[in-house]
Amino acid sequence: MVEPKFQKGDYIISRNSGNMGIIKGITKKGYYQFEAYYGAMFDELKDVKDKNYDLQINYQKFYELCTEDEKKKLNEIIKEKGEN
């Protein structure tokens, strides 16, 4: 299995797609699970509480840690979309 490059609580972003997430943990099968995940293509906050929205560990190469500004932006999106 590929070694995970992110840990619980990390904010990650795919700069190519704009997708962002907060890591909840990693499963034994090698999938990242999220506390929150924002899909930029459809400007959609994924429903990770009722459904498992996972990311296979091999796709971590497309993600980086968020900057402080990006973390603030994701937190604002969560607050805004969570209220609707």
Protein backbone atom coordinates (compact mmCIF):
# COMPACT_ATOMS: atom_id res chain seq x y z
CA MET A 1 0.00 0.00 0.00
CA VAL A 2 1.14 3.55 -0.72
CA GLU A 3 2.13 5.51 2.37
CA PRO A 4 -0.41 8.21 3.27
CA LYS A 5 0.89 11.73 2.84
CA PHE A 6 -1.97 13.34 4.81
CA GLN A 7 -3.15 12.90 8.38
CA LYS A 8 -6.39 13.38 10.30
CA GLY A 9 -7.37 17.06 10.38
CA ASP A 10 -5.33 18.06 7.32
CA TYR A 11 -6.98 20.42 4.86
CA ILE A 12 -6.16 19.34 1.30
CA ILE A 13 -6.75 20.83 -2.13
CA SER A 14 -6.43 19.76 -5.73
CA ARG A 15 -5.22 22.95 -7.36
CA ASN A 16 -6.22 21.68 -10.82
CA SER A 17 -9.85 21.01 -9.95
CA GLY A 18 -10.33 23.27 -6.92
CA ASN A 19 -11.70 20.36 -4.85
CA MET A 20 -10.95 20.68 -1.13
CA GLY A 21 -11.44 18.46 1.88
CA ILE A 22 -10.70 17.91 5.55
CA ILE A 23 -9.25 14.47 6.29
CA LYS A 24 -11.19 12.41 8.83
CA GLY A 25 -8.92 9.38 8.62
CA ILE A 26 -7.75 6.55 6.42
CA THR A 27 -9.29 3.09 6.19
CA LYS A 28 -7.42 -0.20 6.32
CA LYS A 29 -8.15 -0.61 2.60
CA GLY A 30 -6.34 2.63 1.77
CA TYR A 31 -9.13 5.17 1.37
CA TYR A 32 -9.14 8.67 2.82
CA GLN A 33 -12.40 9.59 4.51
CA PHE A 34 -13.47 13.18 4.98
CA GLU A 35 -15.07 15.35 7.63
CA ALA A 36 -16.02 17.69 4.78
CA TYR A 37 -15.42 17.65 1.02
CA TYR A 38 -16.12 20.44 -1.46
CA GLY A 39 -16.45 19.65 -5.16
CA ALA A 40 -15.60 22.80 -7.10
CA MET A 41 -16.96 21.64 -10.46
CA PHE A 42 -20.57 21.81 -9.27
CA ASP A 43 -19.93 24.19 -6.33
CA GLU A 44 -21.15 21.40 -4.08
CA LEU A 45 -20.42 20.44 -0.50
CA LYS A 46 -20.58 16.63 -0.52
CA ASP A 47 -22.85 14.87 1.96
CA VAL A 48 -20.15 12.97 3.84
CA LYS A 49 -22.20 12.36 6.98
CA ASP A 50 -24.92 10.21 5.40
CA LYS A 51 -22.79 8.76 2.62
CA ASN A 52 -19.21 7.58 2.55
CA TYR A 53 -17.27 9.89 0.28
CA ASP A 54 -13.83 8.35 -0.01
CA LEU A 55 -10.67 9.05 -1.98
CA GLN A 56 -8.43 6.16 -2.97
CA ILE A 57 -4.94 6.77 -1.58
CA ASN A 58 -3.30 6.58 -5.03
CA TYR A 59 -5.08 9.83 -5.94
CA GLN A 60 -3.30 11.74 -3.15
CA LYS A 61 -0.67 12.71 -5.72
CA PHE A 62 -3.18 15.23 -7.11
CA TYR A 63 -3.60 16.96 -3.73
CA GLU A 64 -1.54 19.30 -1.56
CA LEU A 65 -2.00 20.83 1.87
CA CYS A 66 -4.11 24.00 1.87
CA THR A 67 -2.70 27.40 2.66
CA GLU A 68 -4.22 29.37 5.54
CA ASP A 69 -6.32 31.39 3.07
CA GLU A 70 -7.62 28.21 1.44
CA LYS A 71 -8.51 26.79 4.87
CA LYS A 72 -10.50 29.95 5.62
CA LYS A 73 -12.26 29.69 2.26
CA LEU A 74 -13.23 26.05 2.89
CA ASN A 75 -14.49 26.89 6.38
CA GLU A 76 -16.62 29.71 4.91
CA ILE A 77 -18.04 27.33 2.29
CA ILE A 78 -18.90 24.77 4.98
CA LYS A 79 -20.59 27.42 7.09
CA GLU A 80 -22.49 28.93 4.13
CA LYS A 81 -23.63 25.69 2.52
CA GLY A 82 -24.25 23.97 5.84
CA GLU A 83 -26.83 26.63 6.73
CA ASN A 84 -28.84 26.09 3.52
